[in-house]
Amino acid sequence: MRKKINTKKMLHSVLIVLALVSCERKYTQAELDYIKEIEKIRKEKNIFMRDDPSSPFNYKGKIEFHELNYFDVNPDFVFKSKLYEYSTKDTITIFGTKGEPRKAVRYGYVIINYKSNNYKINVYESYSKNGDKYYTIWFTDKTTNKESYGVGRYLDFEKQENPDYIYTVDFNLAYNPYCAYNSNYSCAIPTKEDFIPIEIKAGEKKFHN
């Protein structure tokens, strides 16, 4: 006996598929080129993490490697902003994941506009162990400890001398600190002021599920 086809249910399923297809984002050629470039960077990072003796998978005890996890590349999470310096640059104490205190200077901030809302993101000035000055953004957001690493994520920031320079703040380049892969490392924990109250579904996800 032939099974009766539920045409009403089938039509409903077809309409859902058509709606999803019609809502699919159409990228410009420039955006497609950008996506390809980010995917290339990710492949190169996987090779480094797997093979380089200084990677967190090899340097402080051998850790089993698998490819890093990422959100899909999303051009909507690329922003432009000036760097706004704080008039008073406070030196603050932050803590590493092993509990050790560290010093950092809250140097300034950038502003991103997402879905018609502005969000201020701090930029920190710090020094490496060999005395080199560097700048960074570290943050948590509404994906933290869910889809993304529970401590938070980082963005490198290359400060320019021109005060009117327009920076690119690209969350597709957001990455996990080394402690996300190997517990022998300690990494800076973003402060409460570094929480961005949106879901930043871009950049690196959790490594350990």
C-alpha atoms as a PDB file:
ATOM      1  CA  MET A   1       0.000   0.000   0.000  1.00  0.00           C
ATOM      2  CA  ARG A   2       1.426   3.345  -1.048  1.00  0.00           C
ATOM      3  CA  LYS A   3       2.026   5.819   1.748  1.00  0.00           C
ATOM      4  CA  LYS A   4      -0.091   8.938   1.345  1.00  0.00           C
ATOM      5  CA  ILE A   5       2.006  12.041   0.811  1.00  0.00           C
ATOM      6  CA  ASN A   6       1.231  14.945   3.108  1.00  0.00           C
ATOM      7  CA  THR A   7       1.273  17.690   0.451  1.00  0.00           C
ATOM      8  CA  LYS A   8       0.545  20.427   2.983  1.00  0.00           C
ATOM      9  CA  LYS A   9       3.578  19.467   5.082  1.00  0.00           C
ATOM     10  CA  MET A  10       5.763  19.154   1.984  1.00  0.00           C
ATOM     11  CA  LEU A  11       4.705  22.596   0.749  1.00  0.00           C
ATOM     12  CA  HIS A  12       5.526  24.080   4.170  1.00  0.00           C
ATOM     13  CA  SER A  13       9.042  22.563   4.048  1.00  0.00           C
ATOM     14  CA  VAL A  14       9.615  23.890   0.525  1.00  0.00           C
ATOM     15  CA  LEU A  15       8.564  27.388   1.582  1.00  0.00           C
ATOM     16  CA  ILE A  16      11.020  27.301   4.530  1.00  0.00           C
ATOM     17  CA  VAL A  17      13.884  26.299   2.211  1.00  0.00           C
ATOM     18  CA  LEU A  18      12.990  29.021  -0.276  1.00  0.00           C
ATOM     19  CA  ALA A  19      12.872  31.606   2.520  1.00  0.00           C
ATOM     20  CA  LEU A  20      16.291  30.584   3.761  1.00  0.00           C
ATOM     21  CA  VAL A  21      17.762  30.762   0.260  1.00  0.00           C
ATOM     22  CA  SER A  22      16.236  34.182  -0.395  1.00  0.00           C
ATOM     23  CA  CYS A  23      17.684  35.489   2.907  1.00  0.00           C
ATOM     24  CA  GLU A  24      21.183  34.208   2.175  1.00  0.00           C
ATOM     25  CA  ARG A  25      23.744  36.984   2.209  1.00  0.00           C
ATOM     26  CA  LYS A  26      25.028  38.038  -1.205  1.00  0.00           C
ATOM     27  CA  TYR A  27      28.674  39.095  -0.997  1.00  0.00           C
ATOM     28  CA  THR A  28      30.407  41.588  -3.241  1.00  0.00           C
ATOM     29  CA  GLN A  29      33.568  40.514  -5.062  1.00  0.00           C
ATOM     30  CA  ALA A  30      35.652  42.553  -2.613  1.00  0.00           C
ATOM     31  CA  GLU A  31      34.010  40.721   0.303  1.00  0.00           C
ATOM     32  CA  LEU A  32      34.607  37.353  -1.357  1.00  0.00           C
ATOM     33  CA  ASP A  33      38.277  38.247  -1.826  1.00  0.00           C
ATOM     34  CA  TYR A  34      38.449  39.279   1.822  1.00  0.00           C
ATOM     35  CA  ILE A  35      36.878  35.991   2.976  1.00  0.00           C
ATOM     36  CA  LYS A  36      39.389  34.057   0.886  1.00  0.00           C
ATOM     37  CA  GLU A  37      42.284  35.990   2.461  1.00  0.00           C
ATOM     38  CA  ILE A  38      41.072  35.319   6.015  1.00  0.00           C
ATOM     39  CA  GLU A  39      40.656  31.618   5.218  1.00  0.00           C
ATOM     40  CA  LYS A  40      44.230  31.577   3.905  1.00  0.00           C
ATOM     41  CA  ILE A  41      45.476  33.163   7.156  1.00  0.00           C
ATOM     42  CA  ARG A  42      43.634  30.492   9.133  1.00  0.00           C
ATOM     43  CA  LYS A  43      45.201  27.662   7.130  1.00  0.00           C
ATOM     44  CA  GLU A  44      48.662  29.141   7.668  1.00  0.00           C
ATOM     45  CA  LYS A  45      48.013  29.447  11.415  1.00  0.00           C
ATOM     46  CA  ASN A  46      46.969  25.797  11.590  1.00  0.00           C
ATOM     47  CA  ILE A  47      50.268  24.794   9.995  1.00  0.00           C
ATOM     48  CA  PHE A  48      52.202  26.946  12.472  1.00  0.00           C
ATOM     49  CA  MET A  49      50.309  25.566  15.460  1.00  0.00           C
ATOM     50  CA  ARG A  50      50.805  21.988  14.333  1.00  0.00           C
ATOM     51  CA  ASP A  51      54.450  22.115  13.242  1.00  0.00           C
ATOM     52  CA  ASP A  52      56.333  25.003  14.841  1.00  0.00           C
ATOM     53  CA  PRO A  53      58.441  24.073  17.906  1.00  0.00           C
ATOM     54  CA  SER A  54      57.429  27.348  19.609  1.00  0.00           C
ATOM     55  CA  SER A  55      53.677  26.796  19.253  1.00  0.00           C
ATOM     56  CA  PRO A  56      51.638  26.017  22.403  1.00  0.00           C
ATOM     57  CA  PHE A  57      51.137  22.491  21.104  1.00  0.00           C
ATOM     58  CA  ASN A  58      54.879  21.767  21.117  1.00  0.00           C
ATOM     59  CA  TYR A  59      56.798  24.153  23.363  1.00  0.00           C
ATOM     60  CA  LYS A  60      55.589  23.468  26.922  1.00  0.00           C
ATOM     61  CA  GLY A  61      54.733  19.800  26.691  1.00  0.00           C
ATOM     62  CA  LYS A  62      53.267  18.063  23.658  1.00  0.00           C
ATOM     63  CA  ILE A  63      49.528  18.669  23.243  1.00  0.00           C
ATOM     64  CA  GLU A  64      47.382  16.746  20.783  1.00  0.00           C
ATOM     65  CA  PHE A  65      46.641  18.989  17.826  1.00  0.00           C
ATOM     66  CA  HIS A  66      43.530  19.339  15.755  1.00  0.00           C
ATOM     67  CA  GLU A  67      42.571  22.236  13.507  1.00  0.00           C
ATOM     68  CA  LEU A  68      41.458  25.379  15.311  1.00  0.00           C
ATOM     69  CA  ASN A  69      37.738  26.137  15.438  1.00  0.00           C
ATOM     70  CA  TYR A  70      36.352  29.301  13.879  1.00  0.00           C
ATOM     71  CA  PHE A  71      33.132  31.121  13.207  1.00  0.00           C
ATOM     72  CA  ASP A  72      32.483  31.582   9.497  1.00  0.00           C
ATOM     73  CA  VAL A  73      34.250  34.643   8.131  1.00  0.00           C
ATOM     74  CA  ASN A  74      31.825  37.543   8.455  1.00  0.00           C
ATOM     75  CA  PRO A  75      32.588  40.916   6.814  1.00  0.00           C
ATOM     76  CA  ASP A  76      29.928  42.525   9.052  1.00  0.00           C
ATOM     77  CA  PHE A  77      32.372  42.272  11.953  1.00  0.00           C
ATOM     78  CA  VAL A  78      35.000  44.519  10.362  1.00  0.00           C
ATOM     79  CA  PHE A  79      34.910  48.093  11.687  1.00  0.00           C
ATOM     80  CA  LYS A  80      36.768  51.375  11.238  1.00  0.00           C
ATOM     81  CA  SER A  81      37.689  53.740  14.051  1.00  0.00           C
ATOM     82  CA  LYS A  82      40.177  56.310  15.241  1.00  0.00           C
ATOM     83  CA  LEU A  83      42.101  55.612  18.431  1.00  0.00           C
ATOM     84  CA  TYR A  84      40.830  57.926  21.160  1.00  0.00           C
ATOM     85  CA  GLU A  85      43.495  58.375  23.833  1.00  0.00           C
ATOM     86  CA  TYR A  86      42.465  58.715  27.446  1.00  0.00           C
ATOM     87  CA  SER A  87      43.596  62.041  28.925  1.00  0.00           C
ATOM     88  CA  THR A  88      44.577  60.113  32.058  1.00  0.00           C
ATOM     89  CA  LYS A  89      46.144  56.783  31.189  1.00  0.00           C
ATOM     90  CA  ASP A  90      45.567  54.628  34.231  1.00  0.00           C
ATOM     91  CA  THR A  91      47.949  51.822  35.071  1.00  0.00           C
ATOM     92  CA  ILE A  92      45.775  48.937  36.178  1.00  0.00           C
ATOM     93  CA  THR A  93      46.384  45.512  37.660  1.00  0.00           C
ATOM     94  CA  ILE A  94      45.076  42.582  35.700  1.00  0.00           C
ATOM     95  CA  PHE A  95      45.473  38.931  36.527  1.00  0.00           C
ATOM     96  CA  GLY A  96      46.725  35.946  34.610  1.00  0.00           C
ATOM     97  CA  THR A  97      44.910  32.643  34.532  1.00  0.00           C
ATOM     98  CA  LYS A  98      47.332  31.280  37.129  1.00  0.00           C
ATOM     99  CA  GLY A  99      46.442  34.150  39.494  1.00  0.00           C
ATOM    100  CA  GLU A 100      49.559  36.291  39.044  1.00  0.00           C
ATOM    101  CA  PRO A 101      49.107  40.103  38.932  1.00  0.00           C
ATOM    102  CA  ARG A 102      50.228  42.038  35.879  1.00  0.00           C
ATOM    103  CA  LYS A 103      50.381  45.721  35.023  1.00  0.00           C
ATOM    104  CA  ALA A 104      48.856  47.283  31.948  1.00  0.00           C
ATOM    105  CA  VAL A 105      48.084  50.839  30.858  1.00  0.00           C
ATOM    106  CA  ARG A 106      44.551  51.605  29.711  1.00  0.00           C
ATOM    107  CA  TYR A 107      45.811  53.719  26.847  1.00  0.00           C
ATOM    108  CA  GLY A 108      42.727  54.575  24.826  1.00  0.00           C
ATOM    109  CA  TYR A 109      39.732  53.123  23.052  1.00  0.00           C
ATOM    110  CA  VAL A 110      38.143  52.545  19.665  1.00  0.00           C
ATOM    111  CA  ILE A 111      34.452  52.797  18.843  1.00  0.00           C
ATOM    112  CA  ILE A 112      32.561  50.299  16.710  1.00  0.00           C
ATOM    113  CA  ASN A 113      29.040  50.760  15.394  1.00  0.00           C
ATOM    114  CA  TYR A 114      27.061  47.524  15.259  1.00  0.00           C
ATOM    115  CA  LYS A 115      23.365  47.468  14.368  1.00  0.00           C
ATOM    116  CA  SER A 116      23.129  51.233  14.926  1.00  0.00           C
ATOM    117  CA  ASN A 117      24.679  51.084  18.406  1.00  0.00           C
ATOM    118  CA  ASN A 118      28.118  52.354  19.421  1.00  0.00           C
ATOM    119  CA  TYR A 119      30.420  50.272  21.616  1.00  0.00           C
ATOM    120  CA  LYS A 120      33.635  51.484  23.230  1.00  0.00           C
ATOM    121  CA  ILE A 121      36.511  48.985  23.307  1.00  0.00           C
ATOM    122  CA  ASN A 122      39.635  49.571  25.375  1.00  0.00           C
ATOM    123  CA  VAL A 123      43.146  49.434  23.939  1.00  0.00           C
ATOM    124  CA  TYR A 124      45.923  48.458  26.360  1.00  0.00           C
ATOM    125  CA  GLU A 125      49.617  49.263  26.380  1.00  0.00           C
ATOM    126  CA  SER A 126      51.854  46.540  27.812  1.00  0.00           C
ATOM    127  CA  TYR A 127      55.426  45.300  27.744  1.00  0.00           C
ATOM    128  CA  SER A 128      56.676  41.885  26.759  1.00  0.00           C
ATOM    129  CA  LYS A 129      59.181  39.938  28.879  1.00  0.00           C
ATOM    130  CA  ASN A 130      62.045  41.295  26.754  1.00  0.00           C
ATOM    131  CA  GLY A 131      60.882  44.898  27.278  1.00  0.00           C
ATOM    132  CA  ASP A 132      59.159  45.530  23.946  1.00  0.00           C
ATOM    133  CA  LYS A 133      56.093  47.757  24.082  1.00  0.00           C
ATOM    134  CA  TYR A 134      52.950  46.471  22.407  1.00  0.00           C
ATOM    135  CA  TYR A 135      49.256  47.309  22.208  1.00  0.00           C
ATOM    136  CA  THR A 136      46.336  44.930  22.351  1.00  0.00           C
ATOM    137  CA  ILE A 137      42.602  44.577  22.687  1.00  0.00           C
ATOM    138  CA  TRP A 138      41.232  41.819  24.880  1.00  0.00           C
ATOM    139  CA  PHE A 139      37.533  41.291  25.319  1.00  0.00           C
ATOM    140  CA  THR A 140      34.647  39.103  26.320  1.00  0.00           C
ATOM    141  CA  ASP A 141      31.214  39.128  24.700  1.00  0.00           C
ATOM    142  CA  LYS A 142      27.938  37.219  24.756  1.00  0.00           C
ATOM    143  CA  THR A 143      29.523  34.162  23.094  1.00  0.00           C
ATOM    144  CA  THR A 144      32.172  33.864  25.841  1.00  0.00           C
ATOM    145  CA  ASN A 145      32.170  30.506  27.629  1.00  0.00           C
ATOM    146  CA  LYS A 146      29.523  29.297  25.189  1.00  0.00           C
ATOM    147  CA  GLU A 147      30.811  29.190  21.627  1.00  0.00           C
ATOM    148  CA  SER A 148      34.055  31.062  22.337  1.00  0.00           C
ATOM    149  CA  TYR A 149      36.815  30.587  24.913  1.00  0.00           C
ATOM    150  CA  GLY A 150      35.722  31.171  28.510  1.00  0.00           C
ATOM    151  CA  VAL A 151      38.590  33.493  29.481  1.00  0.00           C
ATOM    152  CA  GLY A 152      38.091  35.806  26.492  1.00  0.00           C
ATOM    153  CA  ARG A 153      39.744  36.585  23.180  1.00  0.00           C
ATOM    154  CA  TYR A 154      42.427  38.964  21.916  1.00  0.00           C
ATOM    155  CA  LEU A 155      42.994  41.269  18.952  1.00  0.00           C
ATOM    156  CA  ASP A 156      46.427  42.579  18.017  1.00  0.00           C
ATOM    157  CA  PHE A 157      46.607  46.364  17.651  1.00  0.00           C
ATOM    158  CA  GLU A 158      49.382  48.196  15.822  1.00  0.00           C
ATOM    159  CA  LYS A 159      49.430  51.768  17.063  1.00  0.00           C
ATOM    160  CA  GLN A 160      50.271  54.456  14.484  1.00  0.00           C
ATOM    161  CA  GLU A 161      51.874  57.836  15.161  1.00  0.00           C
ATOM    162  CA  ASN A 162      49.289  59.742  13.142  1.00  0.00           C
ATOM    163  CA  PRO A 163      46.516  60.758  15.610  1.00  0.00           C
ATOM    164  CA  ASP A 164      43.997  60.860  12.739  1.00  0.00           C
ATOM    165  CA  TYR A 165      44.816  57.373  11.495  1.00  0.00           C
ATOM    166  CA  ILE A 166      41.756  55.197  10.845  1.00  0.00           C
ATOM    167  CA  TYR A 167      42.222  51.702  12.232  1.00  0.00           C
ATOM    168  CA  THR A 168      40.598  48.508  11.056  1.00  0.00           C
ATOM    169  CA  VAL A 169      39.115  46.533  13.933  1.00  0.00           C
ATOM    170  CA  ASP A 170      38.558  43.074  12.475  1.00  0.00           C
ATOM    171  CA  PHE A 171      36.945  40.512  14.769  1.00  0.00           C
ATOM    172  CA  ASN A 172      37.476  37.790  12.190  1.00  0.00           C
ATOM    173  CA  LEU A 173      41.080  37.962  13.412  1.00  0.00           C
ATOM    174  CA  ALA A 174      40.105  37.557  17.083  1.00  0.00           C
ATOM    175  CA  TYR A 175      42.121  34.706  18.564  1.00  0.00           C
ATOM    176  CA  ASN A 176      42.475  32.650  21.705  1.00  0.00           C
ATOM    177  CA  PRO A 177      45.454  33.123  24.019  1.00  0.00           C
ATOM    178  CA  TYR A 178      47.827  30.174  24.377  1.00  0.00           C
ATOM    179  CA  CYS A 179      46.247  29.043  27.650  1.00  0.00           C
ATOM    180  CA  ALA A 180      43.177  28.024  25.602  1.00  0.00           C
ATOM    181  CA  TYR A 181      45.204  25.103  24.229  1.00  0.00           C
ATOM    182  CA  ASN A 182      47.765  24.325  26.909  1.00  0.00           C
ATOM    183  CA  SER A 183      47.267  24.776  30.688  1.00  0.00           C
ATOM    184  CA  ASN A 184      51.015  25.312  31.152  1.00  0.00           C
ATOM    185  CA  TYR A 185      50.522  28.861  29.853  1.00  0.00           C
ATOM    186  CA  SER A 186      49.039  31.799  31.730  1.00  0.00           C
ATOM    187  CA  CYS A 187      47.228  34.588  29.902  1.00  0.00           C
ATOM    188  CA  ALA A 188      45.691  37.934  30.789  1.00  0.00           C
ATOM    189  CA  ILE A 189      42.055  37.879  31.854  1.00  0.00           C
ATOM    190  CA  PRO A 190      39.940  40.688  30.374  1.00  0.00           C
ATOM    191  CA  THR A 191      38.391  42.984  32.983  1.00  0.00           C
ATOM    192  CA  LYS A 192      34.684  43.694  33.489  1.00  0.00           C
ATOM    193  CA  GLU A 193      35.185  46.924  31.516  1.00  0.00           C
ATOM    194  CA  ASP A 194      36.257  44.843  28.505  1.00  0.00           C
ATOM    195  CA  PHE A 195      32.888  43.108  28.075  1.00  0.00           C
ATOM    196  CA  ILE A 196      31.149  43.924  24.775  1.00  0.00           C
ATOM    197  CA  PRO A 197      27.397  43.309  25.219  1.00  0.00           C
ATOM    198  CA  ILE A 198      26.769  41.678  21.824  1.00  0.00           C
ATOM    199  CA  GLU A 199      27.355  38.272  20.284  1.00  0.00           C
ATOM    200  CA  ILE A 200      30.583  38.547  18.309  1.00  0.00           C
ATOM    201  CA  LYS A 201      30.169  35.532  16.054  1.00  0.00           C
ATOM    202  CA  ALA A 202      33.494  36.072  14.344  1.00  0.00           C
ATOM    203  CA  GLY A 203      37.034  34.900  14.900  1.00  0.00           C
ATOM    204  CA  GLU A 204      38.145  31.883  16.872  1.00  0.00           C
ATOM    205  CA  LYS A 205      35.852  29.560  18.811  1.00  0.00           C
ATOM    206  CA  LYS A 206      36.627  27.253  21.718  1.00  0.00           C
ATOM    207  CA  PHE A 207      39.386  24.737  21.023  1.00  0.00           C
ATOM    208  CA  HIS A 208      38.297  22.179  23.635  1.00  0.00           C
ATOM    209  CA  ASN A 209      34.613  21.354  23.361  1.00  0.00           C
END
